[in-house]
Every structure is written in structure tokens, then in C-alpha cells.
Amino acid sequence: MIIECKDWKAQHDKMPPGTRLRVHGTITVSHPGIVPVLVKRRMQDKSFALALELELHQQDGNFMQVVCDKEVLFETQDEHGQIPKVDIIHDGKLIACITDIVETH
């Protein structure tokens, strides 16, 4: 269960060995056994925007019910050059839209 998400950032890294896009943020979850993972959505819109799905994976075991922050990271080879925005979706809802993408040369 997500309680909050914050500090979303995207970086278009053009440094060698190859162009990459990194997206990361902080997810507040209800216990430490929840692992947030960003994956590319199967359905992308027709623009050059990138849509990512936030999945929450449950680890096996018993965990204290204590709210904690978890970092989540997505990295991919840049497939089509300039990406104007990144949408983060969870349970069918848009939870973040990153339009300020830092470019590193």
C-alpha cells in the first residue's frame, strides 16, 4: 500500500557509454516488506512521453507494521531521443508527472 510518493526526478544522461534515461523517487509504504518497482507500461501513448507503472512487490516473511520510505529507480537505454515527460501510474491512476527532465552532457 502506498501512503505517499515524493521527490520524483528524471535525468536524460547523454554521457558515454550510451544515452540513458533514469527516473527515481521516494515511495512511503506501510511496512518494510513492500518493494516498489517501476516498469515500462505495455500501453504507451502516441506522444514521445514515457509511461511507467509503479508495482509493489510483497516480500515473504513477517514485518513490523511501520511506515517507511523506499527508493525506486528505473533506468533504460534512451530509445527515441528526447522524452518530453514521464508519467508514473499506480492502480490505473496517475500519481506523478515529471516534465522537468534534467539533461546531462
PDB file of N, CA and C in Angstrom:
ATOM      1  N   MET A   1       0.837  -1.184   0.000  1.00  0.00           N
ATOM      2  CA  MET A   1       0.000   0.000   0.000  1.00  0.00           C
ATOM      3  C   MET A   1       0.879   1.244   0.000  1.00  0.00           C
ATOM      4  N   ILE A   2       0.585   2.159  -0.901  1.00  0.00           N
ATOM      5  CA  ILE A   2       1.299   3.437  -0.956  1.00  0.00           C
ATOM      6  C   ILE A   2       0.607   4.415  -0.020  1.00  0.00           C
ATOM      7  N   ILE A   3       1.380   5.079   0.780  1.00  0.00           N
ATOM      8  CA  ILE A   3       0.845   6.133   1.618  1.00  0.00           C
ATOM      9  C   ILE A   3       1.128   7.482   0.971  1.00  0.00           C
ATOM     10  N   GLU A   4       2.325   7.603   0.374  1.00  0.00           N
ATOM     11  CA  GLU A   4       2.730   8.864  -0.247  1.00  0.00           C
ATOM     12  C   GLU A   4       3.856   8.591  -1.238  1.00  0.00           C
ATOM     13  N   CYS A   5       3.994   9.455  -2.224  1.00  0.00           N
ATOM     14  CA  CYS A   5       5.167   9.407  -3.102  1.00  0.00           C
ATOM     15  C   CYS A   5       5.665  10.833  -3.279  1.00  0.00           C
ATOM     16  N   LYS A   6       6.991  10.970  -3.431  1.00  0.00           N
ATOM     17  CA  LYS A   6       7.572  12.316  -3.479  1.00  0.00           C
ATOM     18  C   LYS A   6       8.940  12.274  -4.153  1.00  0.00           C
ATOM     19  N   ASP A   7       9.480  13.450  -4.359  1.00  0.00           N
ATOM     20  CA  ASP A   7      10.849  13.641  -4.853  1.00  0.00           C
ATOM     21  C   ASP A   7      11.111  12.957  -6.191  1.00  0.00           C
ATOM     22  N   TRP A   8      10.154  13.007  -7.106  1.00  0.00           N
ATOM     23  CA  TRP A   8      10.348  12.398  -8.418  1.00  0.00           C
ATOM     24  C   TRP A   8      11.317  13.229  -9.238  1.00  0.00           C
ATOM     25  N   LYS A   9      12.265  12.547  -9.884  1.00  0.00           N
ATOM     26  CA  LYS A   9      13.241  13.204 -10.747  1.00  0.00           C
ATOM     27  C   LYS A   9      13.503  12.316 -11.959  1.00  0.00           C
ATOM     28  N   ALA A  10      13.792  12.969 -13.081  1.00  0.00           N
ATOM     29  CA  ALA A  10      14.165  12.246 -14.297  1.00  0.00           C
ATOM     30  C   ALA A  10      15.425  12.890 -14.859  1.00  0.00           C
ATOM     31  N   GLN A  11      16.326  12.047 -15.357  1.00  0.00           N
ATOM     32  CA  GLN A  11      17.587  12.522 -15.921  1.00  0.00           C
ATOM     33  C   GLN A  11      17.804  11.865 -17.274  1.00  0.00           C
ATOM     34  N   HIS A  12      18.041  12.694 -18.278  1.00  0.00           N
ATOM     35  CA  HIS A  12      18.390  12.214 -19.613  1.00  0.00           C
ATOM     36  C   HIS A  12      19.908  12.321 -19.699  1.00  0.00           C
ATOM     37  N   ASP A  13      20.594  11.201 -19.508  1.00  0.00           N
ATOM     38  CA  ASP A  13      22.055  11.152 -19.418  1.00  0.00           C
ATOM     39  C   ASP A  13      22.641  10.834 -20.790  1.00  0.00           C
ATOM     40  N   LYS A  14      23.336  11.809 -21.372  1.00  0.00           N
ATOM     41  CA  LYS A  14      23.923  11.629 -22.704  1.00  0.00           C
ATOM     42  C   LYS A  14      25.420  11.343 -22.642  1.00  0.00           C
ATOM     43  N   MET A  15      25.930  11.066 -21.456  1.00  0.00           N
ATOM     44  CA  MET A  15      27.351  10.762 -21.294  1.00  0.00           C
ATOM     45  C   MET A  15      27.637   9.351 -21.812  1.00  0.00           C
ATOM     46  N   PRO A  16      28.894   9.121 -22.286  1.00  0.00           N
ATOM     47  CA  PRO A  16      29.257   7.759 -22.712  1.00  0.00           C
ATOM     48  C   PRO A  16      29.103   6.787 -21.552  1.00  0.00           C
ATOM     49  N   PRO A  17      28.761   5.557 -21.775  1.00  0.00           N
ATOM     50  CA  PRO A  17      28.869   4.783 -22.997  1.00  0.00           C
ATOM     51  C   PRO A  17      27.641   4.848 -23.890  1.00  0.00           C
ATOM     52  N   GLY A  18      26.542   5.402 -23.429  1.00  0.00           N
ATOM     53  CA  GLY A  18      25.345   5.473 -24.271  1.00  0.00           C
ATOM     54  C   GLY A  18      24.281   6.296 -23.574  1.00  0.00           C
ATOM     55  N   THR A  19      23.353   6.806 -24.344  1.00  0.00           N
ATOM     56  CA  THR A  19      22.286   7.639 -23.806  1.00  0.00           C
ATOM     57  C   THR A  19      21.341   6.794 -22.953  1.00  0.00           C
ATOM     58  N   ARG A  20      21.036   7.297 -21.752  1.00  0.00           N
ATOM     59  CA  ARG A  20      20.157   6.596 -20.818  1.00  0.00           C
ATOM     60  C   ARG A  20      19.149   7.569 -20.215  1.00  0.00           C
ATOM     61  N   LEU A  21      18.037   7.027 -19.806  1.00  0.00           N
ATOM     62  CA  LEU A  21      17.050   7.796 -19.058  1.00  0.00           C
ATOM     63  C   LEU A  21      16.905   7.138 -17.697  1.00  0.00           C
ATOM     64  N   ARG A  22      17.029   7.954 -16.644  1.00  0.00           N
ATOM     65  CA  ARG A  22      16.844   7.467 -15.274  1.00  0.00           C
ATOM     66  C   ARG A  22      15.679   8.213 -14.639  1.00  0.00           C
ATOM     67  N   VAL A  23      14.832   7.467 -13.946  1.00  0.00           N
ATOM     68  CA  VAL A  23      13.711   8.043 -13.216  1.00  0.00           C
ATOM     69  C   VAL A  23      13.772   7.481 -11.807  1.00  0.00           C
ATOM     70  N   HIS A  24      13.675   8.359 -10.802  1.00  0.00           N
ATOM     71  CA  HIS A  24      13.679   7.860  -9.427  1.00  0.00           C
ATOM     72  C   HIS A  24      12.814   8.741  -8.539  1.00  0.00           C
ATOM     73  N   GLY A  25      12.375   8.142  -7.449  1.00  0.00           N
ATOM     74  CA  GLY A  25      11.543   8.843  -6.485  1.00  0.00           C
ATOM     75  C   GLY A  25      11.506   8.080  -5.179  1.00  0.00           C
ATOM     76  N   THR A  26      10.746   8.612  -4.236  1.00  0.00           N
ATOM     77  CA  THR A  26      10.610   8.012  -2.913  1.00  0.00           C
ATOM     78  C   THR A  26       9.152   7.631  -2.689  1.00  0.00           C
ATOM     79  N   ILE A  27       8.945   6.395  -2.273  1.00  0.00           N
ATOM     80  CA  ILE A  27       7.605   5.875  -2.004  1.00  0.00           C
ATOM     81  C   ILE A  27       7.511   5.569  -0.514  1.00  0.00           C
ATOM     82  N   THR A  28       6.477   6.067   0.139  1.00  0.00           N
ATOM     83  CA  THR A  28       6.221   5.738   1.536  1.00  0.00           C
ATOM     84  C   THR A  28       5.237   4.576   1.560  1.00  0.00           C
ATOM     85  N   VAL A  29       5.664   3.470   2.183  1.00  0.00           N
ATOM     86  CA  VAL A  29       4.846   2.255   2.226  1.00  0.00           C
ATOM     87  C   VAL A  29       4.532   1.892   3.672  1.00  0.00           C
ATOM     88  N   SER A  30       3.610   0.954   3.853  1.00  0.00           N
ATOM     89  CA  SER A  30       3.111   0.643   5.195  1.00  0.00           C
ATOM     90  C   SER A  30       4.000  -0.295   5.998  1.00  0.00           C
ATOM     91  N   HIS A  31       4.950  -0.985   5.338  1.00  0.00           N
ATOM     92  CA  HIS A  31       5.909  -1.810   6.086  1.00  0.00           C
ATOM     93  C   HIS A  31       7.121  -2.124   5.214  1.00  0.00           C
ATOM     94  N   PRO A  32       8.252  -2.510   5.816  1.00  0.00           N
ATOM     95  CA  PRO A  32       9.488  -2.704   5.064  1.00  0.00           C
ATOM     96  C   PRO A  32       9.486  -3.889   4.106  1.00  0.00           C
ATOM     97  N   GLY A  33       8.495  -4.756   4.158  1.00  0.00           N
ATOM     98  CA  GLY A  33       8.436  -5.902   3.258  1.00  0.00           C
ATOM     99  C   GLY A  33       7.864  -5.582   1.888  1.00  0.00           C
ATOM    100  N   ILE A  34       7.485  -4.346   1.658  1.00  0.00           N
ATOM    101  CA  ILE A  34       6.963  -3.924   0.360  1.00  0.00           C
ATOM    102  C   ILE A  34       8.108  -3.306  -0.437  1.00  0.00           C
ATOM    103  N   VAL A  35       8.312  -3.816  -1.661  1.00  0.00           N
ATOM    104  CA  VAL A  35       9.391  -3.332  -2.525  1.00  0.00           C
ATOM    105  C   VAL A  35       8.764  -2.656  -3.747  1.00  0.00           C
ATOM    106  N   PRO A  36       8.946  -1.335  -3.894  1.00  0.00           N
ATOM    107  CA  PRO A  36       8.413  -0.656  -5.076  1.00  0.00           C
ATOM    108  C   PRO A  36       9.313  -0.873  -6.288  1.00  0.00           C
ATOM    109  N   VAL A  37       8.687  -1.075  -7.455  1.00  0.00           N
ATOM    110  CA  VAL A  37       9.415  -1.308  -8.703  1.00  0.00           C
ATOM    111  C   VAL A  37       8.727  -0.512  -9.812  1.00  0.00           C
ATOM    112  N   LEU A  38       9.520   0.194 -10.621  1.00  0.00           N
ATOM    113  CA  LEU A  38       8.996   0.893 -11.795  1.00  0.00           C
ATOM    114  C   LEU A  38       9.251   0.051 -13.039  1.00  0.00           C
ATOM    115  N   VAL A  39       8.208  -0.162 -13.836  1.00  0.00           N
ATOM    116  CA  VAL A  39       8.337  -0.900 -15.094  1.00  0.00           C
ATOM    117  C   VAL A  39       7.665  -0.090 -16.199  1.00  0.00           C
ATOM    118  N   LYS A  40       8.140  -0.289 -17.408  1.00  0.00           N
ATOM    119  CA  LYS A  40       7.553   0.394 -18.559  1.00  0.00           C
ATOM    120  C   LYS A  40       6.174  -0.197 -18.822  1.00  0.00           C
ATOM    121  N   ARG A  41       5.176   0.665 -18.952  1.00  0.00           N
ATOM    122  CA  ARG A  41       3.817   0.194 -19.236  1.00  0.00           C
ATOM    123  C   ARG A  41       3.754  -0.436 -20.612  1.00  0.00           C
ATOM    124  N   ARG A  42       2.958  -1.468 -20.737  1.00  0.00           N
ATOM    125  CA  ARG A  42       2.771  -2.101 -22.045  1.00  0.00           C
ATOM    126  C   ARG A  42       2.100  -1.149 -23.019  1.00  0.00           C
ATOM    127  N   MET A  43       1.147  -0.378 -22.520  1.00  0.00           N
ATOM    128  CA  MET A  43       0.421   0.577 -23.365  1.00  0.00           C
ATOM    129  C   MET A  43       1.057   1.957 -23.196  1.00  0.00           C
ATOM    130  N   GLN A  44       1.705   2.440 -24.242  1.00  0.00           N
ATOM    131  CA  GLN A  44       2.277   3.782 -24.262  1.00  0.00           C
ATOM    132  C   GLN A  44       1.391   4.650 -25.150  1.00  0.00           C
ATOM    133  N   ASP A  45       1.309   5.958 -24.837  1.00  0.00           N
ATOM    134  CA  ASP A  45       0.532   6.826 -25.719  1.00  0.00           C
ATOM    135  C   ASP A  45       1.347   7.140 -26.972  1.00  0.00           C
ATOM    136  N   LYS A  46       0.741   7.825 -27.911  1.00  0.00           N
ATOM    137  CA  LYS A  46       1.379   8.059 -29.205  1.00  0.00           C
ATOM    138  C   LYS A  46       2.402   9.191 -29.173  1.00  0.00           C
ATOM    139  N   SER A  47       2.444   9.958 -28.101  1.00  0.00           N
ATOM    140  CA  SER A  47       3.455  11.007 -27.987  1.00  0.00           C
ATOM    141  C   SER A  47       4.779  10.353 -27.597  1.00  0.00           C
ATOM    142  N   PHE A  48       5.803  11.154 -27.436  1.00  0.00           N
ATOM    143  CA  PHE A  48       7.100  10.615 -27.028  1.00  0.00           C
ATOM    144  C   PHE A  48       7.228  10.522 -25.511  1.00  0.00           C
ATOM    145  N   ALA A  49       6.151  10.801 -24.786  1.00  0.00           N
ATOM    146  CA  ALA A  49       6.167  10.676 -23.331  1.00  0.00           C
ATOM    147  C   ALA A  49       6.347   9.210 -22.947  1.00  0.00           C
ATOM    148  N   LEU A  50       6.943   8.994 -21.792  1.00  0.00           N
ATOM    149  CA  LEU A  50       7.161   7.640 -21.287  1.00  0.00           C
ATOM    150  C   LEU A  50       6.204   7.390 -20.131  1.00  0.00           C
ATOM    151  N   ALA A  51       5.467   6.298 -20.186  1.00  0.00           N
ATOM    152  CA  ALA A  51       4.545   5.923 -19.113  1.00  0.00           C
ATOM    153  C   ALA A  51       5.144   4.749 -18.345  1.00  0.00           C
ATOM    154  N   LEU A  52       5.296   4.929 -17.031  1.00  0.00           N
ATOM    155  CA  LEU A  52       5.830   3.882 -16.162  1.00  0.00           C
ATOM    156  C   LEU A  52       4.764   3.455 -15.173  1.00  0.00           C
ATOM    157  N   GLU A  53       4.759   2.178 -14.865  1.00  0.00           N
ATOM    158  CA  GLU A  53       3.827   1.604 -13.892  1.00  0.00           C
ATOM    159  C   GLU A  53       4.588   1.348 -12.601  1.00  0.00           C
ATOM    160  N   LEU A  54       4.046   1.831 -11.488  1.00  0.00           N
ATOM    161  CA  LEU A  54       4.624   1.548 -10.177  1.00  0.00           C
ATOM    162  C   LEU A  54       3.969   0.283  -9.636  1.00  0.00           C
ATOM    163  N   GLU A  55       4.779  -0.756  -9.458  1.00  0.00           N
ATOM    164  CA  GLU A  55       4.296  -2.015  -8.888  1.00  0.00           C
ATOM    165  C   GLU A  55       4.852  -2.156  -7.480  1.00  0.00           C
ATOM    166  N   LEU A  56       4.067  -2.777  -6.619  1.00  0.00           N
ATOM    167  CA  LEU A  56       4.506  -3.036  -5.246  1.00  0.00           C
ATOM    168  C   LEU A  56       4.619  -4.537  -5.056  1.00  0.00           C
ATOM    169  N   HIS A  57       5.826  -5.017  -4.846  1.00  0.00           N
ATOM    170  CA  HIS A  57       6.066  -6.444  -4.644  1.00  0.00           C
ATOM    171  C   HIS A  57       6.178  -6.722  -3.156  1.00  0.00           C
ATOM    172  N   GLN A  58       5.503  -7.775  -2.721  1.00  0.00           N
ATOM    173  CA  GLN A  58       5.488  -8.171  -1.317  1.00  0.00           C
ATOM    174  C   GLN A  58       6.541  -9.247  -1.077  1.00  0.00           C
ATOM    175  N   GLN A  59       7.488  -8.994  -0.183  1.00  0.00           N
ATOM    176  CA  GLN A  59       8.483  -9.998   0.177  1.00  0.00           C
ATOM    177  C   GLN A  59       7.866 -11.007   1.137  1.00  0.00           C
ATOM    178  N   ASP A  60       8.410 -12.227   1.123  1.00  0.00           N
ATOM    179  CA  ASP A  60       7.968 -13.242   2.072  1.00  0.00           C
ATOM    180  C   ASP A  60       8.495 -12.905   3.459  1.00  0.00           C
ATOM    181  N   GLY A  61       7.745 -13.294   4.473  1.00  0.00           N
ATOM    182  CA  GLY A  61       8.197 -13.101   5.840  1.00  0.00           C
ATOM    183  C   GLY A  61       7.253 -12.220   6.633  1.00  0.00           C
ATOM    184  N   ASN A  62       7.598 -12.048   7.892  1.00  0.00           N
ATOM    185  CA  ASN A  62       6.829 -11.203   8.800  1.00  0.00           C
ATOM    186  C   ASN A  62       7.565  -9.881   8.980  1.00  0.00           C
ATOM    187  N   PHE A  63       6.817  -8.798   8.923  1.00  0.00           N
ATOM    188  CA  PHE A  63       7.409  -7.472   9.029  1.00  0.00           C
ATOM    189  C   PHE A  63       6.611  -6.636  10.014  1.00  0.00           C
ATOM    190  N   MET A  64       7.321  -5.801  10.747  1.00  0.00           N
ATOM    191  CA  MET A  64       6.651  -4.865  11.647  1.00  0.00           C
ATOM    192  C   MET A  64       5.836  -3.892  10.811  1.00  0.00           C
ATOM    193  N   GLN A  65       4.667  -3.550  11.277  1.00  0.00           N
ATOM    194  CA  GLN A  65       3.831  -2.582  10.577  1.00  0.00           C
ATOM    195  C   GLN A  65       4.314  -1.182  10.937  1.00  0.00           C
ATOM    196  N   VAL A  66       5.347  -0.756  10.225  1.00  0.00           N
ATOM    197  CA  VAL A  66       5.929   0.556  10.465  1.00  0.00           C
ATOM    198  C   VAL A  66       6.081   1.256   9.116  1.00  0.00           C
ATOM    199  N   VAL A  67       5.616   2.467   9.043  1.00  0.00           N
ATOM    200  CA  VAL A  67       5.688   3.242   7.810  1.00  0.00           C
ATOM    201  C   VAL A  67       7.150   3.546   7.503  1.00  0.00           C
ATOM    202  N   CYS A  68       7.549   3.342   6.238  1.00  0.00           N
ATOM    203  CA  CYS A  68       8.943   3.608   5.866  1.00  0.00           C
ATOM    204  C   CYS A  68       9.023   4.100   4.425  1.00  0.00           C
ATOM    205  N   ASP A  69      10.099   4.834   4.148  1.00  0.00           N
ATOM    206  CA  ASP A  69      10.358   5.330   2.801  1.00  0.00           C
ATOM    207  C   ASP A  69      11.231   4.347   2.048  1.00  0.00           C
ATOM    208  N   LYS A  70      10.907   4.130   0.779  1.00  0.00           N
ATOM    209  CA  LYS A  70      11.691   3.250  -0.093  1.00  0.00           C
ATOM    210  C   LYS A  70      12.011   4.018  -1.369  1.00  0.00           C
ATOM    211  N   GLU A  71      13.252   3.899  -1.811  1.00  0.00           N
ATOM    212  CA  GLU A  71      13.665   4.499  -3.078  1.00  0.00           C
ATOM    213  C   GLU A  71      13.282   3.556  -4.219  1.00  0.00           C
ATOM    214  N   VAL A  72      12.888   4.137  -5.333  1.00  0.00           N
ATOM    215  CA  VAL A  72      12.574   3.357  -6.521  1.00  0.00           C
ATOM    216  C   VAL A  72      13.324   3.979  -7.696  1.00  0.00           C
ATOM    217  N   LEU A  73      13.867   3.122  -8.574  1.00  0.00           N
ATOM    218  CA  LEU A  73      14.679   3.587  -9.695  1.00  0.00           C
ATOM    219  C   LEU A  73      14.315   2.813 -10.954  1.00  0.00           C
ATOM    220  N   PHE A  74      14.224   3.541 -12.062  1.00  0.00           N
ATOM    221  CA  PHE A  74      14.031   2.936 -13.383  1.00  0.00           C
ATOM    222  C   PHE A  74      15.110   3.506 -14.286  1.00  0.00           C
ATOM    223  N   GLU A  75      15.786   2.634 -15.034  1.00  0.00           N
ATOM    224  CA  GLU A  75      16.797   3.086 -15.987  1.00  0.00           C
ATOM    225  C   GLU A  75      16.631   2.306 -17.281  1.00  0.00           C
ATOM    226  N   THR A  76      16.733   3.014 -18.406  1.00  0.00           N
ATOM    227  CA  THR A  76      16.607   2.376 -19.708  1.00  0.00           C
ATOM    228  C   THR A  76      17.506   3.079 -20.710  1.00  0.00           C
ATOM    229  N   GLN A  77      17.909   2.347 -21.732  1.00  0.00           N
ATOM    230  CA  GLN A  77      18.593   2.978 -22.854  1.00  0.00           C
ATOM    231  C   GLN A  77      17.570   3.879 -23.528  1.00  0.00           C
ATOM    232  N   ASP A  78      17.985   5.076 -23.868  1.00  0.00           N
ATOM    233  CA  ASP A  78      17.063   6.024 -24.496  1.00  0.00           C
ATOM    234  C   ASP A  78      16.728   5.532 -25.897  1.00  0.00           C
ATOM    235  N   GLU A  79      15.461   5.195 -26.112  1.00  0.00           N
ATOM    236  CA  GLU A  79      15.040   4.556 -27.351  1.00  0.00           C
ATOM    237  C   GLU A  79      14.704   5.526 -28.466  1.00  0.00           C
ATOM    238  N   HIS A  80      14.200   6.683 -28.131  1.00  0.00           N
ATOM    239  CA  HIS A  80      13.748   7.579 -29.197  1.00  0.00           C
ATOM    240  C   HIS A  80      14.135   9.035 -28.952  1.00  0.00           C
ATOM    241  N   GLY A  81      15.308   9.251 -28.401  1.00  0.00           N
ATOM    242  CA  GLY A  81      15.801  10.619 -28.256  1.00  0.00           C
ATOM    243  C   GLY A  81      15.153  11.364 -27.120  1.00  0.00           C
ATOM    244  N   GLN A  82      14.665  12.534 -27.406  1.00  0.00           N
ATOM    245  CA  GLN A  82      14.156  13.435 -26.383  1.00  0.00           C
ATOM    246  C   GLN A  82      12.793  12.983 -25.865  1.00  0.00           C
ATOM    247  N   ILE A  83      12.705  12.745 -24.572  1.00  0.00           N
ATOM    248  CA  ILE A  83      11.443  12.383 -23.925  1.00  0.00           C
ATOM    249  C   ILE A  83      10.933  13.627 -23.203  1.00  0.00           C
ATOM    250  N   PRO A  84       9.764  14.153 -23.583  1.00  0.00           N
ATOM    251  CA  PRO A  84       9.292  15.413 -23.008  1.00  0.00           C
ATOM    252  C   PRO A  84       8.729  15.295 -21.593  1.00  0.00           C
ATOM    253  N   LYS A  85       8.222  14.117 -21.230  1.00  0.00           N
ATOM    254  CA  LYS A  85       7.680  13.943 -19.878  1.00  0.00           C
ATOM    255  C   LYS A  85       7.613  12.467 -19.538  1.00  0.00           C
ATOM    256  N   VAL A  86       7.515  12.204 -18.231  1.00  0.00           N
ATOM    257  CA  VAL A  86       7.379  10.837 -17.731  1.00  0.00           C
ATOM    258  C   VAL A  86       6.152  10.806 -16.826  1.00  0.00           C
ATOM    259  N   ASP A  87       5.234   9.888 -17.098  1.00  0.00           N
ATOM    260  CA  ASP A  87       4.052   9.690 -16.259  1.00  0.00           C
ATOM    261  C   ASP A  87       4.256   8.445 -15.406  1.00  0.00           C
ATOM    262  N   ILE A  88       3.947   8.556 -14.112  1.00  0.00           N
ATOM    263  CA  ILE A  88       4.016   7.425 -13.189  1.00  0.00           C
ATOM    264  C   ILE A  88       2.579   7.057 -12.830  1.00  0.00           C
ATOM    265  N   ILE A  89       2.223   5.789 -13.044  1.00  0.00           N
ATOM    266  CA  ILE A  89       0.851   5.326 -12.841  1.00  0.00           C
ATOM    267  C   ILE A  89       0.856   4.171 -11.847  1.00  0.00           C
ATOM    268  N   HIS A  90      -0.117   4.192 -10.937  1.00  0.00           N
ATOM    269  CA  HIS A  90      -0.284   3.097  -9.979  1.00  0.00           C
ATOM    270  C   HIS A  90      -1.774   2.822  -9.830  1.00  0.00           C
ATOM    271  N   ASP A  91      -2.152   1.554  -9.934  1.00  0.00           N
ATOM    272  CA  ASP A  91      -3.561   1.141  -9.837  1.00  0.00           C
ATOM    273  C   ASP A  91      -4.457   1.931 -10.792  1.00  0.00           C
ATOM    274  N   GLY A  92      -3.949   2.191 -12.004  1.00  0.00           N
ATOM    275  CA  GLY A  92      -4.739   2.877 -13.012  1.00  0.00           C
ATOM    276  C   GLY A  92      -4.848   4.378 -12.840  1.00  0.00           C
ATOM    277  N   LYS A  93      -4.166   4.941 -11.829  1.00  0.00           N
ATOM    278  CA  LYS A  93      -4.245   6.377 -11.569  1.00  0.00           C
ATOM    279  C   LYS A  93      -2.882   7.022 -11.767  1.00  0.00           C
ATOM    280  N   LEU A  94      -2.887   8.218 -12.328  1.00  0.00           N
ATOM    281  CA  LEU A  94      -1.664   8.993 -12.483  1.00  0.00           C
ATOM    282  C   LEU A  94      -1.269   9.542 -11.117  1.00  0.00           C
ATOM    283  N   ILE A  95      -0.084   9.145 -10.619  1.00  0.00           N
ATOM    284  CA  ILE A  95       0.352   9.624  -9.305  1.00  0.00           C
ATOM    285  C   ILE A  95       1.453  10.670  -9.408  1.00  0.00           C
ATOM    286  N   ALA A  96       2.105  10.761 -10.581  1.00  0.00           N
ATOM    287  CA  ALA A  96       3.138  11.783 -10.775  1.00  0.00           C
ATOM    288  C   ALA A  96       3.348  12.012 -12.261  1.00  0.00           C
ATOM    289  N   CYS A  97       3.689  13.247 -12.591  1.00  0.00           N
ATOM    290  CA  CYS A  97       4.017  13.621 -13.963  1.00  0.00           C
ATOM    291  C   CYS A  97       5.284  14.470 -13.901  1.00  0.00           C
ATOM    292  N   ILE A  98       6.358  13.963 -14.480  1.00  0.00           N
ATOM    293  CA  ILE A  98       7.641  14.666 -14.450  1.00  0.00           C
ATOM    294  C   ILE A  98       7.826  15.346 -15.801  1.00  0.00           C
ATOM    295  N   THR A  99       7.871  16.675 -15.787  1.00  0.00           N
ATOM    296  CA  THR A  99       8.081  17.423 -17.024  1.00  0.00           C
ATOM    297  C   THR A  99       9.441  18.112 -17.044  1.00  0.00           C
ATOM    298  N   ASP A 100      10.054  18.264 -15.881  1.00  0.00           N
ATOM    299  CA  ASP A 100      11.374  18.889 -15.789  1.00  0.00           C
ATOM    300  C   ASP A 100      12.432  17.783 -15.799  1.00  0.00           C
ATOM    301  N   ILE A 101      12.892  17.425 -16.987  1.00  0.00           N
ATOM    302  CA  ILE A 101      13.855  16.339 -17.137  1.00  0.00           C
ATOM    303  C   ILE A 101      15.248  16.942 -17.299  1.00  0.00           C
ATOM    304  N   VAL A 102      16.134  16.630 -16.364  1.00  0.00           N
ATOM    305  CA  VAL A 102      17.497  17.158 -16.376  1.00  0.00           C
ATOM    306  C   VAL A 102      18.287  16.465 -17.480  1.00  0.00           C
ATOM    307  N   GLU A 103      19.010  17.263 -18.260  1.00  0.00           N
ATOM    308  CA  GLU A 103      19.822  16.709 -19.337  1.00  0.00           C
ATOM    309  C   GLU A 103      21.295  16.851 -18.969  1.00  0.00           C
ATOM    310  N   THR A 104      22.030  15.738 -19.013  1.00  0.00           N
ATOM    311  CA  THR A 104      23.448  15.712 -18.674  1.00  0.00           C
ATOM    312  C   THR A 104      24.252  15.389 -19.920  1.00  0.00           C
ATOM    313  N   HIS A 105      25.273  16.233 -20.187  1.00  0.00           N
ATOM    314  CA  HIS A 105      26.133  16.016 -21.368  1.00  0.00           C
ATOM    315  C   HIS A 105      27.512  15.606 -20.933  1.00  0.00           C
TER     316      HIS A 105
END
